[in-house]
Amino acid sequence: METHFKRGLGLGEEVKERLARDYHSAIVDRLRTSGFTLTLGATTIRLAEEFGFCYGVERAVDYAYQTRERFPDRKLFIAGEIIHNPGVNGRLREMGILFLDGSEGPAPEGPEEGDVVIIPAFGVPVALMEKYSRIGCLLVDTTCGSVLNVWKNVERYARVGFTSIIHGKYRHEETRATASRAVQYDGSRFLVVRDLDQARIVCDYIRAGGDGAGFLATFAEAASPGFDPDRHLARIGVANQTTMLSSESLAIAALLKGAMAEHYGEEELASRFRSFDTICSATQDRQDAVQRLVFSGIALMIVIGGYNSSNTTHLQEISLASVPSYHVESSDCLLGPDRIRHKPIGSKEEIVTQAWLPAGPLVIGVTAGASTPNNEIGAVIERLVAFRGHPPLSL
């Protein structure tokens, strides 16, 4: 039976109207056409020039809506969150799409032959894709093109026996899917490094060897089965989760290249080290826009997006280095001019901060991760305006 569904079924206009109803914001449109700035009395809102839904996210959500429209009588599943946004995932659940990972209610039974399974924008591990194909499901693959580009690189490494060093979060869906592509050939391996500190541990081992058991304990979950640092760090290729902090990914690649050159010599680099910058262009654009915004004279920043969104967390990290910044999931987190519910970097729980919104003339920056729809951004701006004593925006 047919196992893959492609877009282009003549349903475009109806789906576009439904997407617009669910996620459009006239407030965001107004800011976009006004130089990304809105001034009301003593309050100025500045929206980052790159924000919110990227192309890959738009495509994934579009595919999910089209799938529901195309197969109204079939049982629809999705392998996990389509993107890291609770509002969008909740909307798909309301449309009758069942989440196989239990992220939106109890994990359902199934799927069975003939059922439809949507593959999220992050992709899924090879074994899971093969499982759904064996069952006889119709697969709707929304995997982002930037993620596919990473897979091509790690598969290329694996074919020639290079270990893939992946800068990412091992428990993140995208990194797990990428790691599975790095071990498709005999002798191929992967190692996931979370940050510069972990990269330095790898570099030290490349230079001087050491306690192999201790190394494996440090990377217990983040190394492929049978990983041997004495053998598998001899030829390495660097890749990254597409939503990581770009500057950190580049720094990690440079550190690893330097360690390999120091241990094996410059003349050996071509046969022992490879690297491709696989940070998504939309991720880079949003990070660059936040850098510009924090130096534009704002007094504080609001970063909107799912708390489990990697790219949103990095926007918060960038802004917090320069101004007070609050990462919120939605406008519901803005409790009043004196209280805001938000999640600090590194915290597992939300906290409530008092006296967060200053009085007097104020310039507020707003940005949003690539999984945040415009309606959520507009709702935050509307609430900010109200807290500053202005009437609702007439649009």
Protein backbone atom coordinates (compact mmCIF):
# COMPACT_ATOMS: atom_id res chain seq x y z
CA MET A 1 0.00 0.00 0.00
CA GLU A 2 0.98 3.65 -0.28
CA THR A 3 3.20 4.62 2.66
CA HIS A 4 3.98 8.30 2.05
CA PHE A 5 1.70 11.27 1.48
CA LYS A 6 2.88 14.44 -0.22
CA ARG A 7 1.33 17.89 -0.17
CA GLY A 8 -0.53 19.39 -3.12
CA LEU A 9 -4.00 17.93 -2.94
CA GLY A 10 -6.06 20.96 -3.93
CA LEU A 11 -6.94 21.80 -0.34
CA GLY A 12 -4.64 24.81 -0.02
CA GLU A 13 -7.13 27.69 0.26
CA GLU A 14 -9.36 26.06 2.84
CA VAL A 15 -6.38 25.08 4.98
CA LYS A 16 -4.87 28.58 4.62
CA GLU A 17 -8.10 30.11 5.94
CA ARG A 18 -8.14 27.76 8.91
CA LEU A 19 -4.48 28.44 9.72
CA ALA A 20 -5.12 32.18 9.51
CA ARG A 21 -8.08 31.89 11.88
CA ASP A 22 -6.02 29.94 14.38
CA TYR A 23 -2.72 31.81 14.27
CA HIS A 24 -3.02 35.25 12.64
CA SER A 25 -2.49 38.51 14.57
CA ALA A 26 -3.45 41.96 13.34
CA ILE A 27 -1.23 43.46 16.05
CA VAL A 28 1.83 41.67 14.67
CA ASP A 29 0.89 42.81 11.16
CA ARG A 30 0.71 46.40 12.42
CA LEU A 31 4.15 46.20 13.99
CA ARG A 32 5.63 44.59 10.90
CA THR A 33 4.38 47.42 8.67
CA SER A 34 5.47 50.11 11.17
CA GLY A 35 9.16 49.35 11.31
CA PHE A 36 8.62 46.74 14.06
CA THR A 37 7.93 49.55 16.53
CA LEU A 38 4.76 50.66 18.31
CA THR A 39 4.77 53.79 20.51
CA LEU A 40 1.86 54.67 22.76
CA GLY A 41 2.58 57.61 25.03
CA ALA A 42 5.50 56.66 27.29
CA THR A 43 5.48 53.03 26.11
CA THR A 44 7.38 51.70 23.11
CA ILE A 45 7.19 48.08 21.99
CA ARG A 46 9.97 46.89 19.67
CA LEU A 47 9.51 43.55 17.95
CA ALA A 48 12.57 41.68 16.69
CA GLU A 49 12.84 41.84 12.91
CA GLU A 50 12.98 38.03 12.72
CA PHE A 51 10.66 36.15 15.05
CA GLY A 52 8.09 33.39 15.39
CA PHE A 53 7.17 30.68 12.91
CA CYS A 54 9.96 29.76 10.51
CA TYR A 55 9.37 28.13 7.14
CA GLY A 56 9.95 24.61 8.47
CA VAL A 57 7.44 25.09 11.28
CA GLU A 58 4.85 26.64 8.96
CA ARG A 59 5.28 23.69 6.62
CA ALA A 60 4.91 21.12 9.41
CA VAL A 61 1.74 22.71 10.80
CA ASP A 62 0.35 23.12 7.27
CA TYR A 63 0.98 19.42 6.57
CA ALA A 64 -0.80 18.43 9.78
CA TYR A 65 -3.86 20.54 8.95
CA GLN A 66 -3.91 19.25 5.37
CA THR A 67 -3.66 15.67 6.60
CA ARG A 68 -6.68 16.10 8.85
CA GLU A 69 -8.59 17.64 5.94
CA ARG A 70 -7.47 14.99 3.45
CA PHE A 71 -8.26 11.99 5.68
CA PRO A 72 -11.34 12.94 7.74
CA ASP A 73 -12.34 9.32 8.34
CA ARG A 74 -8.95 7.78 9.07
CA LYS A 75 -7.33 7.42 12.47
CA LEU A 76 -4.59 10.04 12.70
CA PHE A 77 -1.51 9.77 14.91
CA ILE A 78 1.56 11.94 15.38
CA ALA A 79 4.83 10.48 16.65
CA GLY A 80 5.36 13.34 19.14
CA GLU A 81 4.95 17.09 19.47
CA ILE A 82 4.84 18.54 15.98
CA ILE A 83 6.77 21.56 17.29
CA HIS A 84 7.61 22.76 20.78
CA ASN A 85 4.55 24.91 21.33
CA PRO A 86 1.79 23.82 23.71
CA GLY A 87 -0.89 25.91 21.98
CA VAL A 88 -0.24 24.43 18.54
CA ASN A 89 0.00 20.87 19.87
CA GLY A 90 -3.20 21.38 21.83
CA ARG A 91 -4.95 22.54 18.67
CA LEU A 92 -3.92 19.36 16.83
CA ARG A 93 -5.24 17.30 19.74
CA GLU A 94 -8.57 19.12 19.47
CA MET A 95 -8.60 18.17 15.78
CA GLY A 96 -8.53 14.50 16.80
CA ILE A 97 -4.84 13.79 16.16
CA LEU A 98 -3.47 11.29 18.71
CA PHE A 99 0.02 11.80 20.18
CA LEU A 100 1.89 8.49 20.30
CA ASP A 101 4.45 9.70 22.85
CA GLY A 102 1.78 10.65 25.42
CA SER A 103 2.76 14.32 25.35
CA GLU A 104 -0.89 15.32 24.88
CA GLY A 105 -2.77 12.97 27.21
CA PRO A 106 -2.35 9.19 27.70
CA ALA A 107 -0.42 7.40 24.97
CA PRO A 108 -2.95 5.76 22.65
CA GLU A 109 -2.88 2.20 21.36
CA GLY A 110 -1.78 1.77 17.79
CA PRO A 111 -1.15 2.61 15.09
CA GLU A 112 -2.41 -0.18 12.84
CA GLU A 113 -2.25 -0.87 9.13
CA GLY A 114 -3.94 1.88 7.15
CA ASP A 115 -3.69 4.47 9.92
CA VAL A 116 -1.97 7.78 9.21
CA VAL A 117 1.16 8.74 11.17
CA ILE A 118 2.55 12.28 11.03
CA ILE A 119 6.31 12.60 11.52
CA PRO A 120 7.07 15.84 13.44
CA ALA A 121 9.32 18.64 12.24
CA PHE A 122 12.19 17.26 14.37
CA GLY A 123 12.06 13.90 12.60
CA VAL A 124 12.14 10.51 14.35
CA PRO A 125 14.83 7.84 14.79
CA VAL A 126 15.36 5.42 11.91
CA ALA A 127 13.97 2.45 13.87
CA LEU A 128 10.69 4.24 14.55
CA MET A 129 10.24 5.21 10.91
CA GLU A 130 10.89 1.62 9.87
CA LYS A 131 8.40 0.35 12.47
CA TYR A 132 5.58 2.50 11.09
CA SER A 133 6.40 1.42 7.53
CA ARG A 134 6.35 -2.28 8.50
CA ILE A 135 2.95 -1.88 10.11
CA GLY A 136 1.63 -0.44 6.84
CA CYS A 137 0.87 3.10 8.00
CA LEU A 138 0.56 6.04 5.65
CA LEU A 139 3.41 8.36 6.67
CA VAL A 140 3.19 12.15 6.46
CA ASP A 141 6.75 13.33 6.88
CA THR A 142 7.04 16.96 8.04
CA THR A 143 10.76 16.74 8.93
CA CYS A 144 12.37 20.16 8.46
CA GLY A 145 14.74 20.53 5.51
CA SER A 146 17.45 21.92 7.79
CA VAL A 147 17.27 18.76 9.89
CA LEU A 148 17.50 16.63 6.75
CA ASN A 149 20.68 18.53 5.87
CA VAL A 150 22.23 17.51 9.21
CA TRP A 151 21.27 13.89 8.55
CA LYS A 152 23.01 13.96 5.17
CA ASN A 153 26.22 15.10 6.84
CA VAL A 154 26.24 12.52 9.64
CA GLU A 155 25.34 9.77 7.18
CA ARG A 156 28.29 10.89 5.06
CA TYR A 157 30.53 10.67 8.12
CA ALA A 158 29.19 7.22 8.97
CA ARG A 159 29.80 5.84 5.47
CA VAL A 160 33.53 6.56 5.73
CA GLY A 161 33.91 5.44 9.34
CA PHE A 162 34.02 8.85 11.03
CA THR A 163 32.47 9.32 14.48
CA SER A 164 29.81 12.03 14.46
CA ILE A 165 30.33 14.57 17.26
CA ILE A 166 26.92 16.23 17.59
CA HIS A 167 26.53 19.51 19.46
CA GLY A 168 23.06 19.15 20.90
CA LYS A 169 20.81 18.07 23.74
CA TYR A 170 20.77 14.30 23.81
CA ARG A 171 17.16 14.04 24.99
CA HIS A 172 15.93 16.44 22.31
CA GLU A 173 13.88 14.71 19.61
CA GLU A 174 15.98 16.12 16.78
CA THR A 175 19.29 15.01 18.26
CA ARG A 176 18.00 11.51 18.96
CA ALA A 177 16.85 11.26 15.34
CA THR A 178 20.21 12.57 14.09
CA ALA A 179 22.16 10.15 16.30
CA SER A 180 20.23 7.23 14.81
CA ARG A 181 21.42 8.25 11.33
CA ALA A 182 25.02 8.31 12.53
CA VAL A 183 25.10 4.57 13.29
CA GLN A 184 23.58 3.07 10.16
CA TYR A 185 26.86 1.58 8.92
CA ASP A 186 29.15 -1.02 10.50
CA GLY A 187 31.67 0.64 12.80
CA SER A 188 29.99 4.05 12.79
CA ARG A 189 29.58 5.87 16.11
CA PHE A 190 28.25 9.09 17.63
CA LEU A 191 28.97 11.26 20.66
CA VAL A 192 26.71 14.13 21.76
CA VAL A 193 28.29 17.13 23.50
CA ARG A 194 25.97 19.55 25.27
CA ASP A 195 28.20 22.61 25.55
CA LEU A 196 31.72 24.01 25.51
CA ASP A 197 32.59 22.38 28.84
CA GLN A 198 31.79 18.93 27.50
CA ALA A 199 33.61 19.71 24.25
CA ARG A 200 36.73 20.56 26.28
CA ILE A 201 36.54 17.14 27.98
CA VAL A 202 36.53 15.52 24.52
CA CYS A 203 39.44 17.72 23.39
CA ASP A 204 41.51 16.83 26.45
CA TYR A 205 40.98 13.13 25.74
CA ILE A 206 41.93 13.55 22.09
CA ARG A 207 45.19 15.26 23.11
CA ALA A 208 46.28 13.01 25.95
CA GLY A 209 43.95 10.06 26.41
CA GLY A 210 43.25 9.20 30.03
CA ASP A 211 40.53 7.54 32.06
CA GLY A 212 38.36 5.84 29.47
CA ALA A 213 35.87 4.57 32.06
CA GLY A 214 35.49 8.06 33.50
CA PHE A 215 34.99 9.49 30.02
CA LEU A 216 32.23 6.98 29.29
CA ALA A 217 30.59 7.73 32.62
CA THR A 218 30.46 11.42 31.71
CA PHE A 219 28.83 10.64 28.37
CA ALA A 220 26.85 7.59 29.51
CA GLU A 221 23.64 8.44 27.66
CA ALA A 222 25.27 10.53 24.97
CA ALA A 223 27.53 7.95 23.32
CA SER A 224 26.61 5.18 20.91
CA PRO A 225 26.72 1.56 22.20
CA GLY A 226 30.23 0.16 22.32
CA PHE A 227 31.85 3.59 22.16
CA ASP A 228 35.60 3.44 22.80
CA PRO A 229 37.20 6.90 23.12
CA ASP A 230 40.66 5.49 22.38
CA ARG A 231 39.51 4.26 18.97
CA HIS A 232 36.45 6.29 18.05
CA LEU A 233 37.90 9.77 18.54
CA ALA A 234 40.61 9.15 15.96
CA ARG A 235 38.46 10.33 13.05
CA ILE A 236 35.61 12.72 13.77
CA GLY A 237 33.03 14.79 11.93
CA VAL A 238 31.20 17.65 13.65
CA ALA A 239 27.51 18.44 13.26
CA ASN A 240 24.90 20.10 15.44
CA GLN A 241 21.28 20.22 16.45
CA THR A 242 19.89 22.95 14.21
CA THR A 243 18.52 25.06 17.08
CA MET A 244 21.66 25.39 19.19
CA LEU A 245 23.45 28.67 19.85
CA SER A 246 25.35 29.30 16.63
CA SER A 247 28.39 30.93 18.23
CA GLU A 248 28.79 27.97 20.58
CA SER A 249 28.54 25.42 17.75
CA LEU A 250 31.25 27.23 15.82
CA ALA A 251 33.45 27.47 18.92
CA ILE A 252 33.06 23.73 19.60
CA ALA A 253 34.05 22.87 16.03
CA ALA A 254 37.12 25.12 16.34
CA LEU A 255 38.15 23.50 19.65
CA LEU A 256 37.84 19.99 18.23
CA LYS A 257 39.77 20.92 15.10
CA GLY A 258 42.54 22.40 17.22
CA ALA A 259 42.76 19.30 19.40
CA MET A 260 42.96 17.01 16.37
CA ALA A 261 45.67 19.18 14.79
CA GLU A 262 47.66 19.24 18.01
CA HIS A 263 47.56 15.47 18.46
CA TYR A 264 47.87 14.25 14.87
CA GLY A 265 49.48 17.21 13.11
CA GLU A 266 48.09 19.64 10.52
CA GLU A 267 48.99 17.29 7.68
CA GLU A 268 46.60 14.65 9.09
CA LEU A 269 43.59 16.95 9.51
CA ALA A 270 42.08 16.31 6.07
CA SER A 271 41.87 12.58 6.76
CA ARG A 272 40.80 12.83 10.40
CA PHE A 273 38.54 15.87 10.83
CA ARG A 274 35.46 17.21 9.03
CA SER A 275 32.98 19.90 9.98
CA PHE A 276 29.84 21.46 8.52
CA ASP A 277 27.89 24.33 10.07
CA THR A 278 24.37 22.94 10.13
CA ILE A 279 22.69 25.62 12.25
CA CYS A 280 19.33 26.42 10.65
CA SER A 281 19.33 29.78 8.85
CA ALA A 282 16.06 30.75 10.55
CA THR A 283 17.63 30.01 13.96
CA GLN A 284 20.62 32.16 13.03
CA ASP A 285 18.40 34.99 11.75
CA ARG A 286 16.42 35.06 15.00
CA GLN A 287 19.56 35.04 17.11
CA ASP A 288 21.05 37.89 15.07
CA ALA A 289 17.81 39.89 15.35
CA VAL A 290 17.82 39.54 19.15
CA GLN A 291 21.42 40.73 19.27
CA ARG A 292 20.41 43.86 17.36
CA LEU A 293 17.33 44.40 19.50
CA VAL A 294 19.09 44.24 22.88
CA PHE A 295 21.49 46.96 21.74
CA SER A 296 18.72 49.23 20.43
CA GLY A 297 17.97 50.84 23.79
CA ILE A 298 15.34 48.49 25.22
CA ALA A 299 14.94 48.26 29.01
CA LEU A 300 13.70 44.68 29.15
CA MET A 301 12.88 41.75 26.88
CA ILE A 302 9.97 39.33 26.66
CA VAL A 303 10.85 36.03 24.94
CA ILE A 304 7.80 33.96 23.95
CA GLY A 305 7.86 30.23 23.29
CA GLY A 306 7.52 26.74 24.67
CA TYR A 307 9.72 26.03 27.67
CA ASN A 308 11.06 22.90 25.95
CA SER A 309 11.94 24.86 22.79
CA SER A 310 15.71 24.85 22.30
CA ASN A 311 15.82 27.78 19.90
CA THR A 312 13.63 29.88 22.22
CA THR A 313 15.87 29.13 25.20
CA HIS A 314 18.87 30.40 23.26
CA LEU A 315 17.06 33.64 22.40
CA GLN A 316 16.53 34.07 26.14
CA GLU A 317 20.20 33.32 26.79
CA ILE A 318 21.31 35.99 24.31
CA SER A 319 18.96 38.69 25.60
CA LEU A 320 19.59 37.97 29.29
CA ALA A 321 23.28 38.75 28.81
CA SER A 322 22.37 42.40 28.18
CA VAL A 323 18.96 43.26 29.69
CA PRO A 324 16.42 41.83 32.15
CA SER A 325 14.58 39.15 30.18
CA TYR A 326 11.61 36.89 30.84
CA HIS A 327 10.86 33.66 28.97
CA VAL A 328 7.10 33.06 28.95
CA GLU A 329 5.01 30.42 27.18
CA SER A 330 2.01 32.65 26.51
CA SER A 331 0.21 35.84 27.50
CA ASP A 332 -1.32 33.94 30.44
CA CYS A 333 2.10 34.20 32.11
CA LEU A 334 1.78 38.00 32.30
CA LEU A 335 -0.26 38.10 35.51
CA GLY A 336 -0.23 41.87 36.00
CA PRO A 337 2.09 44.89 35.96
CA ASP A 338 3.49 43.67 39.28
CA ARG A 339 3.72 39.90 38.65
CA ILE A 340 5.01 37.70 35.82
CA ARG A 341 5.27 33.91 35.65
CA HIS A 342 8.31 32.77 33.70
CA LYS A 343 11.02 30.12 33.50
CA PRO A 344 14.61 31.14 34.17
CA ILE A 345 17.42 29.48 32.21
CA GLY A 346 18.44 26.24 33.89
CA SER A 347 15.33 26.04 36.06
CA LYS A 348 13.00 23.05 35.88
CA GLU A 349 10.03 25.06 37.14
CA GLU A 350 8.34 28.36 36.48
CA ILE A 351 8.73 31.11 39.05
CA VAL A 352 6.77 34.30 39.72
CA THR A 353 8.72 37.56 39.78
CA GLN A 354 7.33 40.68 41.43
CA ALA A 355 7.70 44.30 40.29
CA TRP A 356 8.96 43.25 36.87
CA LEU A 357 7.44 46.07 34.79
CA PRO A 358 8.94 49.50 35.56
CA ALA A 359 6.90 52.69 35.65
CA GLY A 360 7.70 55.76 33.59
CA PRO A 361 8.97 55.91 30.00
CA LEU A 362 9.80 52.40 28.88
CA VAL A 363 11.03 50.57 25.78
CA ILE A 364 10.15 46.86 25.78
CA GLY A 365 11.64 44.31 23.40
CA VAL A 366 9.62 41.32 22.23
CA THR A 367 10.76 38.24 20.37
CA ALA A 368 9.54 34.68 19.90
CA GLY A 369 10.98 31.30 19.08
CA ALA A 370 10.48 29.58 15.75
CA SER A 371 7.59 27.51 17.14
CA THR A 372 5.54 30.48 18.36
CA PRO A 373 2.55 31.58 16.22
CA ASN A 374 1.69 35.23 15.65
CA ASN A 375 -1.53 35.11 17.67
CA GLU A 376 0.44 34.30 20.84
CA ILE A 377 2.87 37.15 20.15
CA GLY A 378 -0.03 39.55 19.56
CA ALA A 379 -1.72 38.49 22.79
CA VAL A 380 1.45 39.24 24.79
CA ILE A 381 1.78 42.68 23.20
CA GLU A 382 -1.89 43.45 23.87
CA ARG A 383 -1.43 42.58 27.52
CA LEU A 384 1.75 44.65 27.81
CA VAL A 385 -0.08 47.65 26.39
CA ALA A 386 -2.95 47.16 28.86
CA PHE A 387 -0.56 46.86 31.82
CA ARG A 388 0.97 50.19 30.84
CA GLY A 389 -2.44 51.85 31.07
CA HIS A 390 -3.34 52.09 27.40
CA PRO A 391 -6.72 51.11 25.93
CA PRO A 392 -6.97 48.03 23.68
CA LEU A 393 -5.40 48.51 20.29
CA SER A 394 -7.92 49.41 17.59
CA LEU A 395 -6.96 47.55 14.44
